[in-house]
N, C-alpha and C. Protein backbone atom coordinates (compact mmCIF):
# COMPACT_ATOMS: atom_id res chain seq x y z
N MET A 1 0.84 -1.19 0.00
CA MET A 1 0.00 0.00 0.00
C MET A 1 0.88 1.24 0.00
N ASN A 2 0.27 2.31 -0.34
CA ASN A 2 0.96 3.58 -0.39
C ASN A 2 1.20 4.11 1.02
N LEU A 3 2.36 4.70 1.25
CA LEU A 3 2.70 5.22 2.57
C LEU A 3 1.77 6.36 2.98
N ARG A 4 1.37 7.20 2.05
CA ARG A 4 0.44 8.29 2.36
C ARG A 4 -0.91 7.75 2.80
N PHE A 5 -1.38 6.71 2.13
CA PHE A 5 -2.66 6.12 2.50
C PHE A 5 -2.59 5.52 3.90
N GLU A 6 -1.52 4.83 4.22
CA GLU A 6 -1.36 4.25 5.55
C GLU A 6 -1.29 5.34 6.62
N PHE A 7 -0.62 6.44 6.32
CA PHE A 7 -0.55 7.56 7.25
C PHE A 7 -1.94 8.16 7.47
N PHE A 8 -2.70 8.33 6.40
CA PHE A 8 -4.06 8.85 6.50
C PHE A 8 -4.94 7.93 7.34
N VAL A 9 -4.84 6.65 7.12
CA VAL A 9 -5.63 5.68 7.88
C VAL A 9 -5.24 5.74 9.36
N ALA A 10 -3.97 5.86 9.65
CA ALA A 10 -3.52 5.94 11.05
C ALA A 10 -4.06 7.20 11.73
N ILE A 11 -3.98 8.33 11.06
CA ILE A 11 -4.48 9.59 11.63
C ILE A 11 -5.99 9.53 11.80
N ALA A 12 -6.71 9.03 10.80
CA ALA A 12 -8.16 8.93 10.89
C ALA A 12 -8.58 7.98 12.01
N SER A 13 -7.85 6.90 12.19
CA SER A 13 -8.16 5.96 13.27
C SER A 13 -7.94 6.59 14.63
N MET A 14 -6.87 7.34 14.78
CA MET A 14 -6.61 8.00 16.06
C MET A 14 -7.69 9.04 16.37
N LEU A 15 -8.10 9.80 15.36
CA LEU A 15 -9.16 10.78 15.58
C LEU A 15 -10.48 10.11 15.93
N PHE A 16 -10.76 9.00 15.27
CA PHE A 16 -11.98 8.25 15.57
C PHE A 16 -11.97 7.74 17.00
N LEU A 17 -10.85 7.16 17.41
CA LEU A 17 -10.75 6.65 18.78
C LEU A 17 -10.79 7.77 19.82
N PHE A 18 -10.22 8.93 19.50
CA PHE A 18 -10.29 10.07 20.39
C PHE A 18 -11.74 10.54 20.54
N GLY A 19 -12.49 10.55 19.44
CA GLY A 19 -13.90 10.92 19.50
C GLY A 19 -14.71 9.93 20.32
N ILE A 20 -14.43 8.66 20.18
CA ILE A 20 -15.13 7.64 20.98
C ILE A 20 -14.80 7.81 22.45
N ALA A 21 -13.55 8.12 22.77
CA ALA A 21 -13.16 8.34 24.17
C ALA A 21 -13.91 9.53 24.76
N LEU A 22 -14.07 10.59 24.00
CA LEU A 22 -14.81 11.75 24.48
C LEU A 22 -16.28 11.40 24.72
N LEU A 23 -16.87 10.66 23.79
CA LEU A 23 -18.26 10.23 23.97
C LEU A 23 -18.42 9.32 25.18
N GLN A 24 -17.44 8.47 25.40
CA GLN A 24 -17.49 7.53 26.51
C GLN A 24 -17.44 8.27 27.85
N ARG A 25 -16.71 9.37 27.91
CA ARG A 25 -16.65 10.15 29.14
C ARG A 25 -17.99 10.79 29.46
N ARG A 26 -18.64 11.33 28.46
CA ARG A 26 -19.91 12.01 28.67
C ARG A 26 -21.03 11.02 28.95
N GLU A 27 -21.14 10.07 28.08
CA GLU A 27 -22.23 9.09 28.15
C GLU A 27 -21.75 7.84 27.43
N GLY A 28 -22.18 6.69 27.87
CA GLY A 28 -21.73 5.46 27.24
C GLY A 28 -22.08 5.41 25.76
N VAL A 29 -21.10 5.00 24.96
CA VAL A 29 -21.31 4.93 23.51
C VAL A 29 -22.39 3.91 23.19
N TRP A 30 -22.36 2.76 23.85
CA TRP A 30 -23.34 1.71 23.55
C TRP A 30 -24.73 2.13 24.02
N LYS A 31 -24.79 2.86 25.12
CA LYS A 31 -26.08 3.35 25.59
C LYS A 31 -26.65 4.37 24.61
N ARG A 32 -25.79 5.24 24.14
CA ARG A 32 -26.23 6.23 23.17
C ARG A 32 -26.64 5.58 21.85
N LEU A 33 -25.93 4.56 21.45
CA LEU A 33 -26.27 3.86 20.21
C LEU A 33 -27.58 3.10 20.36
N ALA A 34 -27.85 2.58 21.56
CA ALA A 34 -29.09 1.83 21.80
C ALA A 34 -30.32 2.73 21.67
N GLU A 35 -30.16 4.03 21.85
CA GLU A 35 -31.27 4.95 21.75
C GLU A 35 -31.61 5.33 20.31
N LYS A 36 -30.73 4.99 19.39
CA LYS A 36 -30.93 5.32 17.97
C LYS A 36 -31.89 4.32 17.33
N PRO A 37 -32.45 4.68 16.17
CA PRO A 37 -33.31 3.72 15.45
C PRO A 37 -32.53 2.48 15.03
N GLN A 38 -33.25 1.43 14.76
CA GLN A 38 -32.63 0.14 14.45
C GLN A 38 -31.75 0.22 13.20
N TRP A 39 -32.17 0.95 12.19
CA TRP A 39 -31.37 1.02 10.96
C TRP A 39 -30.03 1.71 11.21
N VAL A 40 -29.98 2.66 12.14
CA VAL A 40 -28.72 3.34 12.47
C VAL A 40 -27.79 2.38 13.20
N ARG A 41 -28.34 1.64 14.16
CA ARG A 41 -27.52 0.68 14.91
C ARG A 41 -26.90 -0.36 13.99
N TRP A 42 -27.71 -0.94 13.11
CA TRP A 42 -27.19 -1.98 12.22
C TRP A 42 -26.21 -1.40 11.20
N SER A 43 -26.41 -0.16 10.80
CA SER A 43 -25.43 0.47 9.91
C SER A 43 -24.08 0.62 10.60
N VAL A 44 -24.10 1.00 11.87
CA VAL A 44 -22.85 1.11 12.63
C VAL A 44 -22.21 -0.26 12.79
N TYR A 45 -22.99 -1.27 13.11
CA TYR A 45 -22.44 -2.62 13.28
C TYR A 45 -21.79 -3.11 11.99
N TYR A 46 -22.49 -2.96 10.87
CA TYR A 46 -21.93 -3.40 9.59
C TYR A 46 -20.70 -2.57 9.22
N GLY A 47 -20.72 -1.27 9.53
CA GLY A 47 -19.56 -0.43 9.26
C GLY A 47 -18.34 -0.87 10.05
N LEU A 48 -18.55 -1.25 11.31
CA LEU A 48 -17.43 -1.75 12.12
C LEU A 48 -16.89 -3.07 11.57
N ILE A 49 -17.76 -3.94 11.13
CA ILE A 49 -17.32 -5.23 10.56
C ILE A 49 -16.52 -4.99 9.28
N VAL A 50 -17.01 -4.10 8.42
CA VAL A 50 -16.29 -3.80 7.17
C VAL A 50 -14.93 -3.16 7.48
N ALA A 51 -14.87 -2.27 8.46
CA ALA A 51 -13.60 -1.64 8.82
C ALA A 51 -12.60 -2.68 9.33
N ILE A 52 -13.08 -3.62 10.13
CA ILE A 52 -12.19 -4.68 10.63
C ILE A 52 -11.67 -5.53 9.48
N LEU A 53 -12.54 -5.87 8.54
CA LEU A 53 -12.11 -6.69 7.41
C LEU A 53 -11.17 -5.94 6.48
N LEU A 54 -11.40 -4.65 6.28
CA LEU A 54 -10.55 -3.88 5.37
C LEU A 54 -9.19 -3.56 5.99
N PHE A 55 -9.17 -3.17 7.25
CA PHE A 55 -7.94 -2.68 7.84
C PHE A 55 -7.26 -3.69 8.75
N GLY A 56 -7.90 -4.80 9.00
CA GLY A 56 -7.30 -5.83 9.84
C GLY A 56 -6.35 -6.70 9.04
N ASN A 57 -5.52 -7.40 9.74
CA ASN A 57 -4.59 -8.32 9.09
C ASN A 57 -5.25 -9.69 9.06
N VAL A 58 -5.98 -9.98 8.00
CA VAL A 58 -6.74 -11.22 7.94
C VAL A 58 -6.04 -12.31 7.14
N ARG A 59 -4.90 -12.01 6.59
CA ARG A 59 -4.19 -13.03 5.82
C ARG A 59 -3.07 -13.62 6.68
N SER A 60 -2.83 -14.86 6.49
CA SER A 60 -1.76 -15.52 7.23
C SER A 60 -0.91 -16.28 6.22
N ASP A 61 0.31 -15.84 6.08
CA ASP A 61 1.21 -16.46 5.10
C ASP A 61 1.80 -17.76 5.60
N GLN A 62 1.99 -17.84 6.90
CA GLN A 62 2.68 -18.99 7.45
C GLN A 62 2.06 -19.33 8.81
N PHE A 63 2.00 -20.61 9.10
CA PHE A 63 1.51 -21.05 10.38
C PHE A 63 2.41 -20.51 11.48
N ILE A 64 1.86 -19.92 12.50
CA ILE A 64 2.65 -19.20 13.50
C ILE A 64 3.65 -20.09 14.23
N TYR A 65 3.34 -21.35 14.43
CA TYR A 65 4.25 -22.22 15.19
C TYR A 65 5.40 -22.76 14.35
N PHE A 66 5.45 -22.47 13.06
CA PHE A 66 6.58 -22.88 12.25
C PHE A 66 7.83 -22.08 12.62
N GLN A 67 7.66 -20.96 13.32
CA GLN A 67 8.79 -20.14 13.70
C GLN A 67 9.56 -20.73 14.88
N PHE A 68 8.98 -21.67 15.58
CA PHE A 68 9.60 -22.21 16.80
C PHE A 68 10.29 -23.52 16.53
């Protein structure tokens, strides 16, 4: 991947986590999300799953115990 793209993703992730931390201090994020309509909640859930699949390390080139 491009270094600029990785830098952008890192900065965006930090800002997102900082925003969640601020919301958590004021009021619980999950409590606030539970008050939203069902379509909003499921959109957030699917968005989190897509983010994990896109930005997570889901490929494994080698079995981890082969290193030992």
